[in-house]
Amino acid sequence: MVWVSSDLRIWPIPEHCETCQARCLARDVAQVDDDDLARTYRRLDPRWLAWLHQRMQRAQQAAKAGDLPADAWERLRTTYNALWVWVKARYPDWLRDLANQSLHGYTPPLAARELLRRPA
């Protein structure tokens, strides 16, 4: 299992991890990372992958138009490509169905500050 933030930070949770069973069941997990930024991670599934893929297509267009700095695009591209390789090795059918994923009504994760504010 792996969780991915909208800025493509990958947070793997070992399947044998006993201390994080509640997190393993959660769809969205908010936490403060090592860089002191609060992020929301969503458990990767076909629709979340499709949403991320669509965002990458927009980022590529922005980079080509000069609206996204080349170093930012390269960082996104490298991270996304690593995620793509991981998915291809484990869930190749997700990639075949990527174009058919409907994102109508799909809601990306809430901002981490909103999830962290919610009562448990």
Protein backbone atom coordinates (compact mmCIF):
# COMPACT_ATOMS: atom_id res chain seq x y z
CA MET A 1 0.00 0.00 0.00
CA VAL A 2 1.09 3.52 -0.69
CA TRP A 3 -0.35 6.94 0.02
CA VAL A 4 0.38 9.90 -2.25
CA SER A 5 -0.05 13.62 -1.60
CA SER A 6 -1.23 16.04 -4.27
CA ASP A 7 2.35 17.34 -4.52
CA LEU A 8 3.45 13.75 -5.27
CA ARG A 9 5.15 12.93 -1.99
CA ILE A 10 4.94 9.18 -1.55
CA TRP A 11 4.33 7.66 1.85
CA PRO A 12 4.57 3.86 1.86
CA ILE A 13 3.25 1.93 4.82
CA PRO A 14 4.60 -1.59 5.27
CA GLU A 15 1.80 -4.12 5.17
CA HIS A 16 3.17 -5.82 8.29
CA CYS A 17 3.14 -2.57 10.31
CA GLU A 18 1.16 -3.20 13.51
CA THR A 19 1.45 0.33 14.89
CA CYS A 20 -0.25 1.92 11.91
CA GLN A 21 -3.25 -0.34 11.34
CA ALA A 22 -5.73 2.54 11.77
CA ARG A 23 -3.85 4.56 9.17
CA CYS A 24 -3.83 1.58 6.84
CA LEU A 25 -7.63 1.62 6.89
CA ALA A 26 -7.94 5.35 6.31
CA ARG A 27 -8.45 6.73 2.84
CA ASP A 28 -6.91 10.11 3.70
CA VAL A 29 -4.21 10.70 6.28
CA ALA A 30 -2.97 14.12 7.37
CA GLN A 31 0.37 14.56 9.01
CA VAL A 32 3.17 17.05 9.48
CA ASP A 33 6.17 15.88 7.46
CA ASP A 34 9.90 16.24 8.10
CA ASP A 35 9.90 19.61 6.33
CA ASP A 36 7.33 20.90 8.90
CA LEU A 37 4.57 21.14 6.28
CA ALA A 38 1.17 19.60 6.89
CA ARG A 39 0.17 17.34 4.01
CA THR A 40 -2.75 15.11 3.22
CA TYR A 41 -1.99 11.74 1.73
CA ARG A 42 -4.60 9.63 -0.04
CA ARG A 43 -4.34 5.86 -0.39
CA LEU A 44 -3.56 5.28 -4.05
CA ASP A 45 -6.41 3.84 -6.10
CA PRO A 46 -7.33 4.06 -9.80
CA ARG A 47 -9.31 7.32 -9.50
CA TRP A 48 -6.65 9.08 -7.40
CA LEU A 49 -4.04 7.98 -9.96
CA ALA A 50 -6.23 9.33 -12.78
CA TRP A 51 -6.60 12.66 -10.96
CA LEU A 52 -2.84 12.89 -10.42
CA HIS A 53 -2.26 11.97 -14.08
CA GLN A 54 -4.59 14.75 -15.21
CA ARG A 55 -2.74 17.22 -12.98
CA MET A 56 0.57 16.08 -14.49
CA GLN A 57 -0.78 16.69 -17.99
CA ARG A 58 -1.70 20.25 -16.94
CA ALA A 59 1.72 20.74 -15.36
CA GLN A 60 3.38 19.58 -18.58
CA GLN A 61 1.34 22.10 -20.58
CA ALA A 62 2.28 24.84 -18.11
CA ALA A 63 5.97 23.90 -18.38
CA LYS A 64 5.84 23.99 -22.19
CA ALA A 65 4.15 27.41 -22.05
CA GLY A 66 6.82 28.69 -19.66
CA ASP A 67 4.35 29.08 -16.78
CA LEU A 68 6.02 26.42 -14.66
CA PRO A 69 9.77 26.67 -14.00
CA ALA A 70 11.83 23.93 -15.62
CA ASP A 71 13.27 22.72 -12.31
CA ALA A 72 9.77 22.40 -10.78
CA TRP A 73 8.56 20.46 -13.84
CA GLU A 74 11.60 18.17 -13.71
CA ARG A 75 11.01 17.44 -10.01
CA LEU A 76 7.32 16.64 -10.64
CA ARG A 77 8.11 14.56 -13.72
CA THR A 78 10.78 12.51 -11.96
CA THR A 79 8.57 11.82 -8.96
CA TYR A 80 5.54 10.96 -11.07
CA ASN A 81 7.57 8.65 -13.29
CA ALA A 82 8.76 6.74 -10.20
CA LEU A 83 5.14 6.41 -9.08
CA TRP A 84 4.19 5.23 -12.58
CA VAL A 85 6.85 2.50 -12.48
CA TRP A 86 5.62 1.40 -9.03
CA VAL A 87 2.00 1.20 -10.25
CA LYS A 88 2.99 -0.55 -13.48
CA ALA A 89 4.74 -3.29 -11.49
CA ARG A 90 1.84 -3.83 -9.09
CA TYR A 91 -1.38 -2.72 -10.80
CA PRO A 92 -0.86 -2.70 -14.60
CA ASP A 93 -4.63 -2.78 -15.18
CA TRP A 94 -4.89 0.67 -13.53
CA LEU A 95 -2.74 2.10 -16.33
CA ARG A 96 -4.78 0.43 -19.06
CA ASP A 97 -7.97 1.89 -17.59
CA LEU A 98 -6.52 5.34 -16.88
CA ALA A 99 -8.19 7.05 -19.83
CA ASN A 100 -11.56 5.52 -18.92
CA GLN A 101 -11.56 6.74 -15.32
CA SER A 102 -14.36 9.21 -14.79
CA LEU A 103 -13.38 12.08 -12.54
CA HIS A 104 -16.89 13.53 -12.54
CA GLY A 105 -17.71 14.28 -8.93
CA TYR A 106 -14.28 13.18 -7.73
CA THR A 107 -13.00 15.19 -4.79
CA PRO A 108 -9.28 15.29 -4.10
CA PRO A 109 -8.15 15.11 -0.47
CA LEU A 110 -8.97 17.95 1.88
CA ALA A 111 -6.12 20.20 2.87
CA ALA A 112 -4.18 18.72 5.76
CA ARG A 113 -5.09 21.62 8.02
CA GLU A 114 -8.78 20.74 7.59
CA LEU A 115 -8.25 17.05 8.40
CA LEU A 116 -6.02 17.84 11.36
CA ARG A 117 -8.71 20.17 12.72
CA ARG A 118 -11.45 17.51 12.70
CA PRO A 119 -12.28 15.77 15.97
CA ALA A 120 -11.20 12.14 16.08
